Amino acid sequence: MFFLDPIEVEKRIRKMRKCLEMFRISEELRGYNWDTPPVEPPSDNLRLSISDFFGFCESMRDIYLKYVEGVKPIPNKYMLAGLAYHEVFQETFRTVKRMLYQEPVSGAEILENLLDSDLPDKICERLGVEDCREKCRALFKYILIQCAASIDRIGSKYPYADSDCLVAKAIPPVIEKKVDGSLLGLSNNLSIDFFVPYNAIADLKSGQKSEKHAVALAGYALAIESDECIDVNYGFIVYLRFRGKFVSFEVDNVFLGDEVRREFLEIRDEFFEIIESGKDPGKPKSCSKNCAYYGVCNEADY
């Protein structure tokens, strides 16, 4: 699943297609109906980030602090580690693509030229994260080896393939797809980790599983529908795991049906209400130390 192989994607899509046959997605909940309720945003003046929907705050005070008080979130070590893993993914794929576009090369040449690269170290140094340096190195090597194997597999099947063919068939189709979500009251510069065959989307996560991840994925689906006027029915949440010396992935299928779409829109509207009212909702009963605003709300303990 790591390379989102079309056959593996097809198997997963076929399972979710049964859900689509049983529970049709309401037209009123499609992103391209951005000018009518309930998809239409309550206001044209706000632009939310999808990351807002991952918040740990039960009272949504993080939204108030960010958009009303203008307090910048303070990323903790878990957030920075997740950012480092994402950047290792992005930069490794970009580096391999650049090499392939210079001239078609074998998987062995990819490994010979890049395996000892200090790319993951530079990313960790720039972000100021040391705890995950070894994991970033392991992830980097894993991606390179998978790229090399995929390139050789395609090269053996299509020995006269040019650079475009190798990149298109051997590397994940779209990394960090840019989407304008402004018609939904979202950022005009959203980034989706993977855009794969069948107009399915995939989001990479490195932390604990959460129902909020599916809700955020629905937000991405609505944004693509509003921006490109296409249906996005299926998604995957890819959880990055490090087990001993091995890099592994757990993949959850997400059928982007009415229920999760309504939940996303309801939360979005709650965020808008908090911001436009300007009223502090107060601290929740308990604060997660993983919240980017934990230090703001609990200065004495920070």
Protein backbone atom coordinates (compact mmCIF):
# COMPACT_ATOMS: atom_id res chain seq x y z
CA MET A 1 0.00 0.00 0.00
CA PHE A 2 2.94 2.31 0.55
CA PHE A 3 3.30 3.02 -3.11
CA LEU A 4 -0.48 2.97 -3.47
CA ASP A 5 -0.25 0.19 -6.01
CA PRO A 6 -3.27 0.34 -8.35
CA ILE A 7 -4.18 -3.29 -7.62
CA GLU A 8 -4.12 -2.74 -3.86
CA VAL A 9 -6.05 0.51 -4.23
CA GLU A 10 -8.62 -1.26 -6.43
CA LYS A 11 -9.19 -3.93 -3.76
CA ARG A 12 -9.80 -1.33 -1.10
CA ILE A 13 -11.94 0.82 -3.37
CA ARG A 14 -14.12 -2.18 -4.25
CA LYS A 15 -14.87 -2.67 -0.55
CA MET A 16 -15.83 0.98 -0.12
CA ARG A 17 -17.78 1.02 -3.40
CA LYS A 18 -20.34 -1.26 -1.76
CA CYS A 19 -20.90 1.48 0.83
CA LEU A 20 -21.46 3.98 -1.97
CA GLU A 21 -24.01 1.65 -3.57
CA MET A 22 -25.87 1.27 -0.27
CA PHE A 23 -25.50 4.83 1.01
CA ARG A 24 -25.41 7.34 -1.82
CA ILE A 25 -23.69 10.62 -1.04
CA SER A 26 -26.20 13.48 -0.98
CA GLU A 27 -25.67 16.09 -3.68
CA GLU A 28 -26.26 18.83 -1.12
CA LEU A 29 -23.12 17.60 0.71
CA ARG A 30 -20.83 17.79 -2.30
CA GLY A 31 -18.15 20.47 -2.21
CA TYR A 32 -19.14 21.84 -5.62
CA ASN A 33 -22.41 22.98 -4.03
CA TRP A 34 -20.39 25.52 -2.06
CA ASP A 35 -22.95 28.28 -2.65
CA THR A 36 -25.86 26.52 -0.90
CA PRO A 37 -26.34 25.29 2.68
CA PRO A 38 -25.09 23.24 4.41
CA VAL A 39 -21.83 23.39 2.43
CA GLU A 40 -21.90 27.17 2.05
CA PRO A 41 -19.70 28.74 4.77
CA PRO A 42 -21.35 31.07 7.32
CA SER A 43 -19.01 33.88 6.28
CA ASP A 44 -16.75 34.85 3.40
CA ASN A 45 -14.25 36.53 5.69
CA LEU A 46 -12.54 33.56 7.37
CA ARG A 47 -10.07 30.97 6.15
CA LEU A 48 -9.56 27.95 8.38
CA SER A 49 -6.74 25.44 8.21
CA ILE A 50 -7.49 21.72 8.05
CA SER A 51 -5.03 21.31 10.92
CA ASP A 52 -7.57 23.17 13.08
CA PHE A 53 -9.76 20.08 12.90
CA PHE A 54 -7.08 17.96 14.59
CA GLY A 55 -7.30 20.10 17.74
CA PHE A 56 -7.07 18.52 21.17
CA CYS A 57 -9.19 21.17 22.91
CA GLU A 58 -12.67 19.99 23.89
CA SER A 59 -13.95 23.55 24.42
CA MET A 60 -12.40 24.76 21.13
CA ARG A 61 -10.48 27.44 22.99
CA ASP A 62 -7.55 26.80 20.66
CA ILE A 63 -9.64 28.25 17.82
CA TYR A 64 -10.46 31.32 19.90
CA LEU A 65 -6.81 31.87 20.85
CA LYS A 66 -5.58 31.45 17.29
CA TYR A 67 -8.13 33.50 15.37
CA VAL A 68 -9.48 36.01 17.92
CA GLU A 69 -6.48 36.67 20.18
CA GLY A 70 -3.94 36.05 17.43
CA VAL A 71 -1.83 33.72 19.56
CA LYS A 72 0.46 31.57 17.47
CA PRO A 73 0.43 27.84 18.26
CA ILE A 74 3.58 26.43 19.84
CA PRO A 75 4.40 23.08 18.21
CA ASN A 76 5.43 20.36 20.65
CA LYS A 77 7.95 17.61 19.98
CA TYR A 78 5.28 15.27 18.62
CA MET A 79 4.10 17.85 16.09
CA LEU A 80 7.67 18.60 15.05
CA ALA A 81 8.43 14.90 14.65
CA GLY A 82 5.35 14.51 12.44
CA LEU A 83 6.47 17.49 10.37
CA ALA A 84 9.94 15.95 10.02
CA TYR A 85 8.50 12.65 8.74
CA HIS A 86 6.34 14.52 6.22
CA GLU A 87 9.33 16.47 4.97
CA VAL A 88 11.42 13.31 4.64
CA PHE A 89 8.64 11.87 2.46
CA GLN A 90 8.34 14.96 0.30
CA GLU A 91 12.03 15.70 -0.14
CA THR A 92 13.02 12.08 -0.80
CA PHE A 93 10.45 11.71 -3.57
CA ARG A 94 11.42 15.07 -5.05
CA THR A 95 15.10 14.11 -5.02
CA VAL A 96 14.43 10.79 -6.75
CA LYS A 97 12.20 12.48 -9.34
CA ARG A 98 14.87 15.11 -10.08
CA MET A 99 17.43 12.37 -10.62
CA LEU A 100 15.09 10.45 -12.95
CA TYR A 101 14.25 13.57 -14.95
CA GLN A 102 17.95 14.20 -15.61
CA GLU A 103 18.15 10.77 -17.25
CA PRO A 104 16.57 7.34 -16.76
CA VAL A 105 18.57 5.44 -14.13
CA SER A 106 18.30 2.04 -12.49
CA GLY A 107 17.28 1.40 -8.92
CA ALA A 108 20.86 0.43 -8.11
CA GLU A 109 22.09 3.84 -9.31
CA ILE A 110 19.48 5.56 -7.16
CA LEU A 111 20.80 3.73 -4.09
CA GLU A 112 24.47 4.31 -4.97
CA ASN A 113 23.93 8.06 -5.33
CA LEU A 114 21.48 8.77 -2.54
CA LEU A 115 21.65 6.14 0.20
CA ASP A 116 24.33 8.01 2.16
CA SER A 117 22.68 11.42 1.71
CA ASP A 118 22.44 13.69 4.75
CA LEU A 119 18.95 14.83 3.72
CA PRO A 120 17.18 13.48 6.85
CA ASP A 121 19.84 15.00 9.12
CA LYS A 122 19.42 18.42 7.54
CA ILE A 123 15.65 18.23 8.03
CA CYS A 124 16.04 17.32 11.72
CA GLU A 125 18.59 20.09 12.27
CA ARG A 126 16.40 22.71 10.61
CA LEU A 127 13.36 21.73 12.69
CA GLY A 128 15.38 21.32 15.86
CA VAL A 129 14.33 17.72 16.48
CA GLU A 130 16.91 15.22 17.69
CA ASP A 131 14.71 12.53 19.23
CA CYS A 132 13.47 11.32 15.85
CA ARG A 133 16.72 11.59 13.86
CA GLU A 134 17.25 7.81 13.66
CA LYS A 135 13.62 7.28 12.67
CA CYS A 136 13.97 9.89 9.92
CA ARG A 137 17.08 8.13 8.63
CA ALA A 138 15.27 4.78 8.67
CA LEU A 139 12.29 6.29 6.84
CA PHE A 140 14.55 7.90 4.27
CA LYS A 141 16.31 4.61 3.52
CA TYR A 142 13.00 2.76 3.40
CA ILE A 143 11.59 5.18 0.82
CA LEU A 144 14.76 5.02 -1.29
CA ILE A 145 14.77 1.22 -1.32
CA GLN A 146 11.08 1.13 -2.25
CA CYS A 147 11.70 3.69 -5.00
CA ALA A 148 14.66 1.70 -6.32
CA ALA A 149 12.69 -1.56 -6.36
CA SER A 150 9.74 0.13 -8.09
CA ILE A 151 11.97 1.76 -10.71
CA ASP A 152 13.66 -1.55 -11.52
CA ARG A 153 10.31 -3.33 -11.73
CA ILE A 154 8.99 -0.76 -14.20
CA GLY A 155 12.31 -0.63 -16.05
CA SER A 156 12.35 -4.40 -16.56
CA LYS A 157 8.80 -4.33 -17.89
CA TYR A 158 9.36 -1.25 -20.08
CA PRO A 159 13.10 -1.30 -20.89
CA TYR A 160 12.87 1.69 -23.24
CA ALA A 161 10.80 3.85 -20.89
CA ASP A 162 11.76 7.51 -20.75
CA SER A 163 11.96 9.63 -17.61
CA ASP A 164 8.31 10.68 -17.71
CA CYS A 165 7.18 7.06 -17.90
CA LEU A 166 9.43 5.95 -15.03
CA VAL A 167 8.27 8.78 -12.77
CA ALA A 168 4.59 8.27 -13.64
CA LYS A 169 4.60 4.52 -13.05
CA ALA A 170 7.22 4.07 -10.31
CA ILE A 171 6.61 7.02 -7.98
CA PRO A 172 3.37 7.87 -6.12
CA PRO A 173 1.17 9.88 -8.52
CA VAL A 174 0.77 13.15 -6.64
CA ILE A 175 2.63 14.18 -3.49
CA GLU A 176 1.38 17.27 -1.65
CA LYS A 177 -1.49 18.13 -3.98
CA LYS A 178 -2.37 21.82 -3.65
CA VAL A 179 -6.05 22.70 -3.33
CA ASP A 180 -7.95 25.97 -2.95
CA GLY A 181 -10.52 25.52 -0.19
CA SER A 182 -11.54 29.18 0.07
CA LEU A 183 -15.06 28.55 -1.28
CA LEU A 184 -15.69 26.47 1.86
CA GLY A 185 -14.14 28.95 4.30
CA LEU A 186 -10.85 27.05 4.28
CA SER A 187 -7.32 28.04 3.30
CA ASN A 188 -6.63 28.70 -0.36
CA ASN A 189 -3.39 26.74 -0.03
CA LEU A 190 -4.35 23.34 1.36
CA SER A 191 -1.93 20.44 0.92
CA ILE A 192 -3.09 16.83 0.57
CA ASP A 193 -0.42 14.19 1.16
CA PHE A 194 -1.37 11.79 -1.65
CA PHE A 195 -3.86 11.96 -4.53
CA VAL A 196 -4.23 8.48 -5.99
CA PRO A 197 -6.18 6.63 -8.72
CA TYR A 198 -10.01 6.72 -8.59
CA ASN A 199 -9.85 10.30 -7.25
CA ALA A 200 -9.06 8.90 -3.82
CA ILE A 201 -7.06 10.85 -1.24
CA ALA A 202 -4.63 9.65 1.38
CA ASP A 203 -3.35 11.41 4.49
CA LEU A 204 -0.16 10.39 6.32
CA LYS A 205 -0.20 10.33 10.13
CA SER A 206 2.45 9.34 12.64
CA GLY A 207 0.57 9.69 15.93
CA GLN A 208 -2.24 7.80 17.60
CA LYS A 209 -5.37 6.96 15.66
CA SER A 210 -8.24 9.40 16.04
CA GLU A 211 -11.75 9.81 14.62
CA LYS A 212 -10.79 13.41 13.86
CA HIS A 213 -8.51 12.19 11.08
CA ALA A 214 -11.50 10.91 9.08
CA VAL A 215 -13.33 14.20 9.66
CA ALA A 216 -10.36 16.18 8.35
CA LEU A 217 -10.12 13.85 5.35
CA ALA A 218 -13.76 14.71 4.57
CA GLY A 219 -12.71 18.36 4.63
CA TYR A 220 -10.04 17.70 2.04
CA ALA A 221 -12.58 15.82 -0.11
CA LEU A 222 -15.05 18.73 0.04
CA ALA A 223 -12.24 21.17 -0.83
CA ILE A 224 -11.21 19.20 -3.92
CA GLU A 225 -14.84 18.93 -5.02
CA SER A 226 -15.30 22.68 -4.67
CA ASP A 227 -12.04 23.47 -6.45
CA GLU A 228 -12.13 20.94 -9.28
CA CYS A 229 -15.83 19.97 -9.56
CA ILE A 230 -15.15 16.24 -9.29
CA ASP A 231 -16.52 13.61 -6.91
CA VAL A 232 -14.19 12.40 -4.16
CA ASN A 233 -15.77 9.39 -2.46
CA TYR A 234 -12.89 7.45 -0.96
CA GLY A 235 -9.92 8.08 1.26
CA PHE A 236 -7.16 6.38 3.20
CA ILE A 237 -5.45 7.30 6.43
CA VAL A 238 -1.91 5.94 6.39
CA TYR A 239 -0.38 5.59 9.86
CA LEU A 240 3.41 5.54 9.90
CA ARG A 241 4.85 3.15 12.49
CA PHE A 242 8.36 2.25 13.65
CA ARG A 243 8.58 -1.26 15.05
CA GLY A 244 12.05 -2.27 16.09
CA LYS A 245 14.27 -1.90 13.03
CA PHE A 246 11.35 -1.84 10.62
CA VAL A 247 9.23 0.92 9.08
CA SER A 248 5.63 -0.13 8.62
CA PHE A 249 2.24 1.34 7.74
CA GLU A 250 -1.29 0.77 8.93
CA VAL A 251 -3.93 1.83 6.43
CA ASP A 252 -7.54 2.66 7.32
CA ASN A 253 -10.14 2.91 4.58
CA VAL A 254 -12.46 5.92 4.85
CA PHE A 255 -15.74 6.07 2.95
CA LEU A 256 -16.39 9.79 2.61
CA GLY A 257 -20.15 9.58 3.02
CA ASP A 258 -22.83 11.86 4.41
CA GLU A 259 -22.11 11.24 8.09
CA VAL A 260 -18.47 12.31 8.10
CA ARG A 261 -19.19 15.21 5.72
CA ARG A 262 -21.93 16.55 8.01
CA GLU A 263 -19.63 16.22 11.01
CA PHE A 264 -16.92 18.25 9.27
CA LEU A 265 -19.37 20.99 8.26
CA GLU A 266 -20.90 21.18 11.74
CA ILE A 267 -17.47 21.60 13.33
CA ARG A 268 -16.52 24.22 10.73
CA ASP A 269 -19.67 26.19 11.55
CA GLU A 270 -18.90 25.96 15.28
CA PHE A 271 -15.44 27.35 14.63
CA PHE A 272 -16.94 30.24 12.66
CA GLU A 273 -19.38 30.98 15.49
CA ILE A 274 -16.61 31.12 18.09
CA ILE A 275 -14.47 33.39 15.94
CA GLU A 276 -17.24 35.78 14.92
CA SER A 277 -18.68 36.06 18.45
CA GLY A 278 -15.26 36.88 19.86
CA LYS A 279 -16.23 35.20 23.15
CA ASP A 280 -13.69 33.12 25.02
CA PRO A 281 -15.22 29.62 25.47
CA GLY A 282 -12.93 29.03 28.44
CA LYS A 283 -10.64 26.17 29.29
CA PRO A 284 -11.92 22.60 29.03
CA LYS A 285 -12.20 20.38 32.09
CA SER A 286 -8.86 18.83 31.23
CA CYS A 287 -6.11 19.97 28.88
CA SER A 288 -4.11 17.62 26.70
CA LYS A 289 -0.38 18.25 26.94
CA ASN A 290 -0.25 17.57 23.21
CA CYS A 291 -2.23 20.74 22.54
CA ALA A 292 -0.21 23.53 20.91
CA TYR A 293 -1.80 25.98 23.39
CA TYR A 294 -1.22 23.97 26.55
CA GLY A 295 1.46 26.44 27.69
CA VAL A 296 -0.87 29.40 27.10
CA CYS A 297 -3.74 27.97 29.16
CA ASN A 298 -1.53 26.40 31.84
CA GLU A 299 1.36 28.81 32.26
CA ALA A 300 2.04 27.71 35.84
CA ASP A 301 2.53 24.09 34.75
CA TYR A 302 4.45 24.79 31.58
